[in-house]
Amino acid sequence: MANTNKHRKDNIYIETYGCQMNFSDTEIVSSILINSGFSIINTPEDADAILLNTCSVRDNAERKIHERLIHLKRYKKQNKNLVIGILGCMAERLRKNLLEEERIVDLVAGPDEFRKVPQLIEDARTGTRGIAVKLSRVETYSDIEPLRTSGVFAWLSIMRGCDNFCSYCVVPYTRGRERSRSLESVVQEIEKLRDKGFREITLLGQNVNSYKDKQSGADFADLLAASAKAAPEIRFRYMTSHPVDMSDKLIETMSEYDNICKYIHLPVQSGSNRILDLMLRGYSVEHYLGRIKKIKELMPGCSISTDIIAGFPTETEEDHKATLRVIEEVGYDGAFMFKYSPREHTKAFALEDDVPDKEKVRRLNEIIELQHKIARELNNKEIGRLHTIVAESPSKKNPLEWMGRTDTNKVVVFPSLNGTKEGDLLNVKIHGSTSATLFGEII
């Protein structure tokens, strides 16, 4: 495409909120913008356009964006030509409100409309406030090579959207229906990353284990095996999984390849079958525990994390205690724990939010306390063990220390040795731990 627009050299600053899918989307948007002649910068001060790539999964995530827009007004005062845009899930969900109520916003683009962002910025420069939020059944951006800032770790989206329609979740409404990239296109991207020296790749999807290549019929286990074989020197992770689609074949495939990390994020959400039915999760506690049993049988050292919602509508104290029992039985290495917040357009929004906030907080705190206790005990067992890790970055607390992750996704902090750098493959012996972190020395 000819680069004829005089504004095509504008500097764009992008802030990303939410999950790994959002960070992956930012890499895609950045690539689209660069291919259209824009420059991506790391600070907002010199930006001609500021884009916020947003999340709508929880109410708190949206509140952060509204607060950030208030802060951005000062940049708008300093530069009346500054373009401010909202991208991603929140853009799709609150498109009308953002343009009509947040007068500071010049453009809104949903997750399936990123290709239009360059033109929306150009239109905004001439005073036309733009909106593009149509959801697609085919868009996967498989032809876009993301702009990756790390040369070691890569997020790789293998599919978009979700077909599960859990009653509390906005994702099918903000990201559309499920569609998968072809296995061939994913493996080709992996081979490129291998040739560039990448060390670790995380395969991403709202529900990766429902992946299906319509052309070849390959499922996620097939894709995972093809990935592991295409790049034996790269460690592979993936997220997120749904218990319904956690097949024996997938678990067996994970156990078969050394370069597939032994870590699974498997959201349970609740330990009560009644609540799981209301959540439209599609499985029972018994089914879930059966999957955990299979994972532990084939991969005894596999690390498991989860998502838990406290205070879902009609949740009783007995339902809450059932969740605590599941946490104890599984023994999670980590968990993302939240109190329920109603989301418009979801099926659960029609249910009365009848658990008082004070009670939600109490139950959530009990869940957090139990989970931290279990994680602390599990991490304490790591003391004395040797792990091969990939160095990620200097520690935030001490620049003389570095951090990396074990194969099982546990964070390890260790003193730098002989100029440690990103991507170094290191053997680290663990000598200390907390509920969230391991501490070690390079051997």
Protein backbone atom coordinates (compact mmCIF):
# COMPACT_ATOMS: atom_id res chain seq x y z
CA MET A 1 0.00 0.00 0.00
CA ALA A 2 1.37 3.42 -0.91
CA ASN A 3 2.39 5.56 2.02
CA THR A 4 1.05 8.93 0.90
CA ASN A 5 -0.59 10.39 4.01
CA LYS A 6 1.39 13.22 5.58
CA HIS A 7 0.41 12.08 9.06
CA ARG A 8 1.78 8.59 8.60
CA LYS A 9 4.91 9.38 10.66
CA ASP A 10 2.87 10.00 13.84
CA ASN A 11 4.14 8.57 17.11
CA ILE A 12 1.75 6.11 18.76
CA TYR A 13 1.82 5.14 22.43
CA ILE A 14 -0.17 2.06 23.49
CA GLU A 15 -1.06 1.07 27.04
CA THR A 16 -2.27 -2.50 27.60
CA TYR A 17 -4.62 -3.70 30.32
CA GLY A 18 -5.87 -7.19 31.14
CA CYS A 19 -4.83 -10.67 30.10
CA GLN A 20 -2.09 -12.12 27.90
CA MET A 21 -4.51 -12.06 24.96
CA ASN A 22 -4.59 -8.28 25.26
CA PHE A 23 -0.79 -8.05 25.26
CA SER A 24 -0.74 -10.29 22.19
CA ASP A 25 -3.34 -8.03 20.55
CA THR A 26 -1.16 -4.98 21.25
CA GLU A 27 1.67 -6.67 19.35
CA ILE A 28 -0.71 -7.19 16.42
CA VAL A 29 -1.98 -3.58 16.48
CA SER A 30 1.59 -2.29 16.72
CA SER A 31 2.58 -4.30 13.66
CA ILE A 32 -0.42 -3.02 11.68
CA LEU A 33 0.44 0.57 12.61
CA ILE A 34 4.13 0.23 11.73
CA ASN A 35 3.21 -1.32 8.38
CA SER A 36 1.07 1.78 7.77
CA GLY A 37 4.00 4.11 8.48
CA PHE A 38 3.43 4.99 12.13
CA SER A 39 6.05 4.75 14.88
CA ILE A 40 5.48 3.01 18.23
CA ILE A 41 6.98 4.82 21.24
CA ASN A 42 7.31 3.83 24.91
CA THR A 43 6.13 7.00 26.68
CA PRO A 44 3.00 9.16 26.24
CA GLU A 45 4.74 12.54 26.45
CA ASP A 46 5.71 12.75 22.75
CA ALA A 47 2.75 10.81 21.37
CA ASP A 48 0.49 12.04 18.58
CA ALA A 49 -1.98 9.32 19.56
CA ILE A 50 -2.51 7.42 22.81
CA LEU A 51 -4.33 4.10 22.55
CA LEU A 52 -5.62 2.12 25.53
CA ASN A 53 -6.01 -1.60 24.80
CA THR A 54 -8.65 -2.64 27.30
CA CYS A 55 -10.24 -5.52 29.20
CA SER A 56 -13.91 -5.94 30.17
CA VAL A 57 -13.80 -9.18 32.11
CA ARG A 58 -14.27 -7.52 35.50
CA ASP A 59 -15.76 -4.26 36.66
CA ASN A 60 -12.48 -3.20 38.26
CA ALA A 61 -10.71 -3.44 34.88
CA GLU A 62 -13.17 -0.99 33.33
CA ARG A 63 -12.91 1.39 36.30
CA LYS A 64 -9.15 1.59 35.72
CA ILE A 65 -9.73 2.76 32.15
CA HIS A 66 -12.23 5.45 33.16
CA GLU A 67 -9.72 6.68 35.78
CA ARG A 68 -6.92 6.65 33.20
CA LEU A 69 -8.99 8.72 30.78
CA ILE A 70 -9.33 11.41 33.47
CA HIS A 71 -5.52 11.47 33.79
CA LEU A 72 -5.09 11.74 30.02
CA LYS A 73 -7.05 14.99 29.89
CA ARG A 74 -3.86 16.87 30.78
CA TYR A 75 -2.15 15.53 27.66
CA LYS A 76 -5.12 16.64 25.61
CA LYS A 77 -4.85 20.15 27.10
CA GLN A 78 -1.16 20.30 26.22
CA ASN A 79 -1.77 19.05 22.67
CA LYS A 80 -5.21 19.77 21.24
CA ASN A 81 -4.39 17.58 18.21
CA LEU A 82 -3.69 14.52 20.39
CA VAL A 83 -5.80 11.51 19.39
CA ILE A 84 -7.03 9.22 22.17
CA GLY A 85 -8.47 5.81 21.35
CA ILE A 86 -9.94 2.81 23.12
CA LEU A 87 -9.19 -0.63 21.68
CA GLY A 88 -10.20 -4.16 22.62
CA CYS A 89 -12.95 -5.67 24.75
CA MET A 90 -14.13 -2.51 26.48
CA ALA A 91 -14.33 -0.75 23.12
CA GLU A 92 -16.77 -3.36 21.85
CA ARG A 93 -18.81 -3.53 25.05
CA LEU A 94 -19.16 0.20 25.80
CA ARG A 95 -18.72 1.72 22.33
CA LYS A 96 -21.60 4.20 22.56
CA ASN A 97 -20.84 5.30 26.12
CA LEU A 98 -17.18 5.87 25.34
CA LEU A 99 -17.86 8.22 22.45
CA GLU A 100 -20.85 10.03 23.94
CA GLU A 101 -19.93 10.26 27.63
CA GLU A 102 -16.12 10.28 27.51
CA ARG A 103 -15.73 13.26 25.21
CA ILE A 104 -11.96 12.84 25.37
CA VAL A 105 -12.17 9.62 23.27
CA ASP A 106 -11.68 10.10 19.51
CA LEU A 107 -11.85 6.51 18.27
CA VAL A 108 -13.11 3.12 19.37
CA ALA A 109 -12.00 -0.19 17.80
CA GLY A 110 -13.02 -3.69 18.86
CA PRO A 111 -10.79 -6.81 18.86
CA ASP A 112 -11.76 -7.82 15.32
CA GLU A 113 -11.31 -4.35 13.78
CA PHE A 114 -7.62 -3.67 14.40
CA ARG A 115 -6.91 -3.40 10.68
CA LYS A 116 -8.97 -0.19 10.64
CA VAL A 117 -7.02 1.53 13.43
CA PRO A 118 -4.59 3.42 11.09
CA GLN A 119 -7.51 4.92 9.15
CA LEU A 120 -9.43 5.71 12.34
CA ILE A 121 -6.40 7.66 13.60
CA GLU A 122 -6.20 9.56 10.31
CA ASP A 123 -9.92 10.35 10.45
CA ALA A 124 -9.60 11.56 14.04
CA ARG A 125 -6.84 13.97 12.95
CA THR A 126 -9.36 15.68 10.71
CA GLY A 127 -12.02 15.84 13.42
CA THR A 128 -14.00 12.70 12.58
CA ARG A 129 -14.59 10.53 15.63
CA GLY A 130 -14.64 6.92 14.51
CA ILE A 131 -16.02 3.61 15.66
CA ALA A 132 -15.32 0.08 14.38
CA VAL A 133 -16.56 -2.73 16.59
CA LYS A 134 -18.07 -5.33 14.28
CA LEU A 135 -17.32 -8.87 15.44
CA SER A 136 -16.02 -11.34 12.88
CA ARG A 137 -16.42 -15.09 12.44
CA VAL A 138 -13.24 -15.37 10.36
CA GLU A 139 -10.64 -12.79 11.54
CA THR A 140 -7.60 -14.44 13.14
CA TYR A 141 -4.82 -12.00 12.04
CA SER A 142 -2.83 -15.07 10.96
CA ASP A 143 -1.18 -12.99 8.21
CA ILE A 144 0.09 -10.35 10.66
CA GLU A 145 3.51 -10.90 12.21
CA PRO A 146 3.22 -9.34 15.70
CA LEU A 147 5.69 -6.69 16.82
CA ARG A 148 7.52 -8.51 19.60
CA THR A 149 9.70 -6.44 21.89
CA SER A 150 11.39 -9.48 23.43
CA GLY A 151 13.60 -11.69 21.32
CA VAL A 152 13.24 -14.54 23.79
CA PHE A 153 9.61 -14.91 24.94
CA ALA A 154 6.66 -14.88 22.55
CA TRP A 155 2.88 -14.85 22.91
CA LEU A 156 1.30 -16.63 19.97
CA SER A 157 -2.47 -16.47 19.45
CA ILE A 158 -3.77 -19.68 17.90
CA MET A 159 -7.47 -18.78 18.02
CA ARG A 160 -9.87 -15.98 18.87
CA GLY A 161 -13.26 -15.72 20.55
CA CYS A 162 -15.18 -18.21 22.67
CA ASP A 163 -18.26 -20.39 22.27
CA ASN A 164 -18.79 -21.36 25.91
CA PHE A 165 -21.08 -18.51 27.06
CA CYS A 166 -20.44 -19.01 30.78
CA SER A 167 -23.18 -17.05 32.47
CA TYR A 168 -20.84 -14.52 34.16
CA CYS A 169 -18.50 -13.88 31.21
CA VAL A 170 -18.55 -11.10 28.59
CA VAL A 171 -15.87 -12.62 26.35
CA PRO A 172 -18.20 -14.15 23.69
CA TYR A 173 -19.91 -10.75 23.45
CA THR A 174 -16.71 -8.70 23.28
CA ARG A 175 -14.43 -11.07 21.33
CA GLY A 176 -16.99 -12.94 19.26
CA ARG A 177 -17.37 -16.59 18.42
CA GLU A 178 -14.57 -19.11 18.38
CA ARG A 179 -12.37 -19.50 15.29
CA SER A 180 -8.97 -21.14 14.96
CA ARG A 181 -5.93 -20.48 12.83
CA SER A 182 -4.71 -23.29 10.62
CA LEU A 183 -2.16 -25.63 12.15
CA GLU A 184 0.15 -24.87 9.23
CA SER A 185 0.13 -21.10 9.87
CA VAL A 186 0.88 -21.60 13.58
CA VAL A 187 3.77 -24.00 12.93
CA GLN A 188 5.21 -21.65 10.29
CA GLU A 189 5.21 -18.80 12.82
CA ILE A 190 6.87 -21.07 15.39
CA GLU A 191 9.59 -21.97 12.89
CA LYS A 192 10.26 -18.27 12.27
CA LEU A 193 10.53 -17.66 16.01
CA ARG A 194 12.84 -20.67 16.33
CA ASP A 195 15.12 -19.33 13.60
CA LYS A 196 15.23 -15.94 15.37
CA GLY A 197 16.43 -17.59 18.58
CA PHE A 198 13.30 -17.44 20.74
CA ARG A 199 13.46 -19.61 23.85
CA GLU A 200 9.86 -19.84 25.01
CA ILE A 201 6.44 -19.59 23.33
CA THR A 202 3.04 -19.38 25.01
CA LEU A 203 0.12 -20.49 22.82
CA LEU A 204 -2.92 -18.33 23.56
CA GLY A 205 -6.67 -18.62 23.25
CA GLN A 206 -9.73 -17.99 25.41
CA ASN A 207 -10.04 -21.79 25.48
CA VAL A 208 -7.02 -23.24 23.72
CA ASN A 209 -7.98 -26.86 24.17
CA SER A 210 -11.09 -26.43 22.01
CA TYR A 211 -8.77 -25.47 19.10
CA LYS A 212 -9.82 -27.08 15.81
CA ASP A 213 -8.19 -26.68 12.40
CA LYS A 214 -11.14 -27.00 10.03
CA GLN A 215 -8.90 -27.84 7.07
CA SER A 216 -6.94 -30.72 8.57
CA GLY A 217 -9.21 -31.67 11.47
CA ALA A 218 -6.29 -31.29 13.89
CA ASP A 219 -7.17 -30.62 17.53
CA PHE A 220 -5.13 -28.83 20.19
CA ALA A 221 -3.18 -31.96 21.18
CA ASP A 222 -2.15 -32.34 17.53
CA LEU A 223 -1.08 -28.68 17.38
CA LEU A 224 0.87 -28.97 20.61
CA ALA A 225 2.70 -32.06 19.36
CA ALA A 226 3.45 -30.40 15.99
CA SER A 227 4.79 -27.33 17.81
CA ALA A 228 7.02 -29.38 20.12
CA LYS A 229 8.46 -31.31 17.15
CA ALA A 230 8.97 -28.19 15.00
CA ALA A 231 11.13 -26.52 17.67
CA PRO A 232 12.60 -29.03 20.17
CA GLU A 233 14.83 -26.30 21.65
CA ILE A 234 11.85 -24.05 22.55
CA ARG A 235 9.78 -24.45 25.72
CA PHE A 236 6.03 -24.35 25.09
CA ARG A 237 3.32 -23.16 27.45
CA TYR A 238 -0.35 -22.51 26.79
CA MET A 239 -3.39 -20.87 28.33
CA THR A 240 -6.25 -20.94 29.07
CA SER A 241 -7.94 -24.34 29.33
CA HIS A 242 -11.53 -25.38 29.95
CA PRO A 243 -12.14 -28.55 32.01
CA VAL A 244 -14.68 -29.88 29.48
CA ASP A 245 -12.02 -29.97 26.73
CA MET A 246 -9.12 -31.25 28.85
CA SER A 247 -8.91 -34.60 27.06
CA ASP A 248 -6.85 -37.67 27.86
CA LYS A 249 -5.15 -37.17 24.49
CA LEU A 250 -4.03 -33.67 25.48
CA ILE A 251 -2.71 -34.80 28.86
CA GLU A 252 -0.87 -37.71 27.22
CA THR A 253 0.66 -35.36 24.63
CA MET A 254 1.91 -33.04 27.36
CA SER A 255 3.53 -35.93 29.19
CA GLU A 256 5.22 -37.18 26.02
CA TYR A 257 7.33 -34.10 25.13
CA ASP A 258 10.03 -32.69 27.42
CA ASN A 259 9.75 -29.21 25.87
CA ILE A 260 6.04 -28.88 26.72
CA CYS A 261 6.04 -27.25 30.14
CA LYS A 262 4.38 -29.23 32.91
CA TYR A 263 1.98 -26.49 33.95
CA ILE A 264 -1.80 -26.26 33.40
CA HIS A 265 -4.11 -23.39 34.22
CA LEU A 266 -7.48 -25.10 34.70
CA PRO A 267 -10.21 -22.77 36.05
CA VAL A 268 -12.63 -24.44 38.45
CA GLN A 269 -14.56 -21.23 39.41
CA SER A 270 -16.58 -22.99 42.16
CA GLY A 271 -16.57 -26.23 44.13
CA SER A 272 -20.38 -26.44 44.13
CA ASN A 273 -22.22 -28.33 41.38
CA ARG A 274 -25.27 -26.13 41.88
CA ILE A 275 -23.22 -22.98 41.32
CA LEU A 276 -21.37 -24.53 38.38
CA ASP A 277 -24.77 -25.22 36.77
CA LEU A 278 -25.79 -21.59 37.29
CA MET A 279 -22.46 -20.53 35.81
CA LEU A 280 -23.19 -22.71 32.73
CA ARG A 281 -19.74 -24.24 33.03
CA GLY A 282 -20.77 -27.59 31.54
CA TYR A 283 -18.98 -29.88 34.00
CA SER A 284 -19.40 -31.22 37.52
CA VAL A 285 -16.94 -31.10 40.40
CA GLU A 286 -16.54 -34.86 39.96
CA HIS A 287 -15.56 -34.44 36.29
CA TYR A 288 -13.11 -31.68 37.20
CA LEU A 289 -11.44 -33.76 39.93
CA GLY A 290 -11.24 -36.67 37.48
CA ARG A 291 -9.22 -34.47 35.10
CA ILE A 292 -6.92 -33.43 37.96
CA LYS A 293 -6.40 -37.09 38.88
CA LYS A 294 -5.46 -37.95 35.28
CA ILE A 295 -3.01 -35.02 35.10
CA LYS A 296 -1.30 -36.07 38.33
CA GLU A 297 -1.14 -39.72 37.23
CA LEU A 298 0.63 -38.96 33.94
CA MET A 299 2.61 -35.89 35.11
CA PRO A 300 3.27 -36.26 38.87
CA GLY A 301 5.18 -32.99 39.11
CA CYS A 302 2.77 -30.93 37.02
CA SER A 303 1.88 -27.53 38.49
CA ILE A 304 -1.81 -26.57 38.43
CA SER A 305 -3.37 -23.14 38.85
CA THR A 306 -6.98 -22.02 38.69
CA ASP A 307 -9.58 -19.23 38.72
CA ILE A 308 -12.12 -18.92 41.53
CA ILE A 309 -15.13 -16.61 41.88
CA ALA A 310 -16.45 -15.87 45.39
CA GLY A 311 -20.01 -14.78 46.02
CA PHE A 312 -21.74 -15.78 42.78
CA PRO A 313 -25.52 -15.11 42.94
CA THR A 314 -27.33 -17.43 45.41
CA GLU A 315 -24.02 -18.86 46.70
CA THR A 316 -24.58 -20.22 50.21
CA GLU A 317 -22.10 -20.83 52.98
CA GLU A 318 -22.21 -24.55 52.09
CA ASP A 319 -21.39 -23.73 48.44
CA HIS A 320 -18.47 -21.63 49.66
CA LYS A 321 -17.21 -24.46 51.89
CA ALA A 322 -17.43 -26.84 48.93
CA THR A 323 -15.04 -24.52 47.05
CA LEU A 324 -12.63 -24.58 49.99
CA ARG A 325 -12.75 -28.39 49.95
CA VAL A 326 -11.82 -28.49 46.25
CA ILE A 327 -8.91 -26.11 46.85
CA GLU A 328 -7.65 -28.43 49.61
CA GLU A 329 -8.14 -31.59 47.56
CA VAL A 330 -6.42 -30.33 44.40
CA GLY A 331 -3.61 -28.42 46.12
CA TYR A 332 -3.22 -25.59 43.61
CA ASP A 333 0.20 -24.04 43.05
CA GLY A 334 -1.48 -20.72 42.28
CA ALA A 335 -4.88 -19.11 41.76
CA PHE A 336 -6.55 -15.98 40.45
CA MET A 337 -9.25 -15.24 43.01
CA PHE A 338 -12.00 -12.65 42.65
CA LYS A 339 -15.32 -11.66 44.13
CA TYR A 340 -18.23 -11.78 41.69
CA SER A 341 -19.08 -8.57 39.83
CA PRO A 342 -22.17 -8.43 37.56
CA ARG A 343 -21.45 -7.75 33.88
CA GLU A 344 -24.10 -6.35 31.59
CA HIS A 345 -25.19 -8.52 28.63
CA THR A 346 -24.26 -11.74 30.45
CA LYS A 347 -26.89 -14.31 31.50
CA ALA A 348 -25.91 -13.96 35.17
CA PHE A 349 -26.74 -10.25 35.02
CA ALA A 350 -30.43 -11.25 35.18
CA LEU A 351 -29.81 -13.06 38.48
CA GLU A 352 -30.16 -11.10 41.70
CA ASP A 353 -26.71 -10.20 43.02
CA ASP A 354 -27.89 -11.32 46.45
CA VAL A 355 -24.62 -12.05 48.28
CA PRO A 356 -23.77 -8.89 50.28
CA ASP A 357 -20.43 -7.34 49.38
CA LYS A 358 -19.18 -7.74 52.95
CA GLU A 359 -19.90 -11.47 52.71
CA LYS A 360 -18.21 -11.73 49.31
CA VAL A 361 -15.10 -10.12 50.78
CA ARG A 362 -15.12 -12.49 53.78
CA ARG A 363 -15.43 -15.56 51.56
CA LEU A 364 -12.78 -14.28 49.16
CA ASN A 365 -10.38 -13.66 52.04
CA GLU A 366 -10.91 -17.21 53.31
CA ILE A 367 -10.17 -18.56 49.82
CA ILE A 368 -7.04 -16.39 49.53
CA GLU A 369 -5.80 -17.40 52.99
CA LEU A 370 -6.21 -21.11 52.28
CA GLN A 371 -4.63 -20.86 48.83
CA HIS A 372 -1.62 -18.94 50.14
CA LYS A 373 -1.14 -21.59 52.86
CA ILE A 374 -1.17 -24.41 50.27
CA ALA A 375 1.13 -22.53 47.88
CA ARG A 376 3.54 -21.80 50.72
CA GLU A 377 3.68 -25.51 51.66
CA LEU A 378 4.17 -26.61 48.03
CA ASN A 379 6.91 -24.03 47.43
CA ASN A 380 8.66 -25.04 50.64
CA LYS A 381 9.02 -28.55 49.18
CA GLU A 382 11.02 -27.03 46.31
CA ILE A 383 13.93 -26.17 48.63
CA GLY A 384 16.98 -28.20 47.63
CA ARG A 385 15.68 -28.97 44.14
CA LEU A 386 17.46 -28.02 40.92
CA HIS A 387 15.50 -26.32 38.13
CA THR A 388 16.43 -25.32 34.60
CA ILE A 389 15.03 -21.85 34.00
CA VAL A 390 15.12 -19.23 31.25
CA ALA A 391 16.28 -15.82 32.56
CA GLU A 392 13.48 -13.29 31.98
CA SER A 393 14.44 -9.92 33.45
CA PRO A 394 16.16 -8.15 36.34
CA SER A 395 14.19 -8.38 39.58
CA LYS A 396 12.00 -5.32 40.24
CA LYS A 397 13.16 -5.16 43.86
CA ASN A 398 16.89 -5.59 43.25
CA PRO A 399 18.63 -4.91 39.90
CA LEU A 400 21.51 -7.20 40.97
CA GLU A 401 19.07 -10.12 40.97
CA TRP A 402 17.23 -11.73 38.08
CA MET A 403 14.03 -13.68 37.76
CA GLY A 404 12.90 -16.56 35.60
CA ARG A 405 10.36 -19.40 35.67
CA THR A 406 10.63 -23.09 36.22
CA ASP A 407 9.15 -25.54 33.76
CA THR A 408 6.19 -25.62 36.19
CA ASN A 409 5.75 -21.81 35.95
CA LYS A 410 7.06 -20.97 39.41
CA VAL A 411 8.85 -17.61 39.68
CA VAL A 412 12.49 -17.92 40.79
CA VAL A 413 14.64 -14.98 41.94
CA PHE A 414 18.43 -15.44 41.93
CA PRO A 415 21.63 -13.34 42.04
CA SER A 416 23.02 -12.40 38.64
CA LEU A 417 26.19 -14.25 37.70
CA ASN A 418 28.75 -13.15 35.08
CA GLY A 419 26.41 -10.73 33.32
CA THR A 420 23.18 -12.72 33.22
CA LYS A 421 21.04 -11.71 30.23
CA GLU A 422 17.53 -12.36 28.94
CA GLY A 423 17.22 -15.82 27.44
CA ASP A 424 20.09 -17.46 29.32
CA LEU A 425 19.33 -21.09 30.13
CA LEU A 426 20.40 -21.60 33.75
CA ASN A 427 20.47 -24.34 36.37
CA VAL A 428 19.25 -22.85 39.63
CA LYS A 429 19.19 -24.59 43.03
CA ILE A 430 16.35 -23.47 45.31
CA HIS A 431 17.25 -22.42 48.87
CA GLY A 432 14.21 -20.41 49.98
CA SER A 433 10.56 -19.71 49.24
CA THR A 434 7.37 -17.78 49.94
CA SER A 435 3.82 -18.55 48.78
CA ALA A 436 4.52 -16.73 45.50
CA THR A 437 8.30 -16.92 44.87
CA LEU A 438 11.24 -19.27 44.97
CA PHE A 439 14.77 -18.07 45.72
CA GLY A 440 17.88 -19.78 44.42
CA GLU A 441 21.48 -19.70 43.25
CA ILE A 442 22.92 -20.44 39.81
CA ILE A 443 24.79 -23.75 39.86
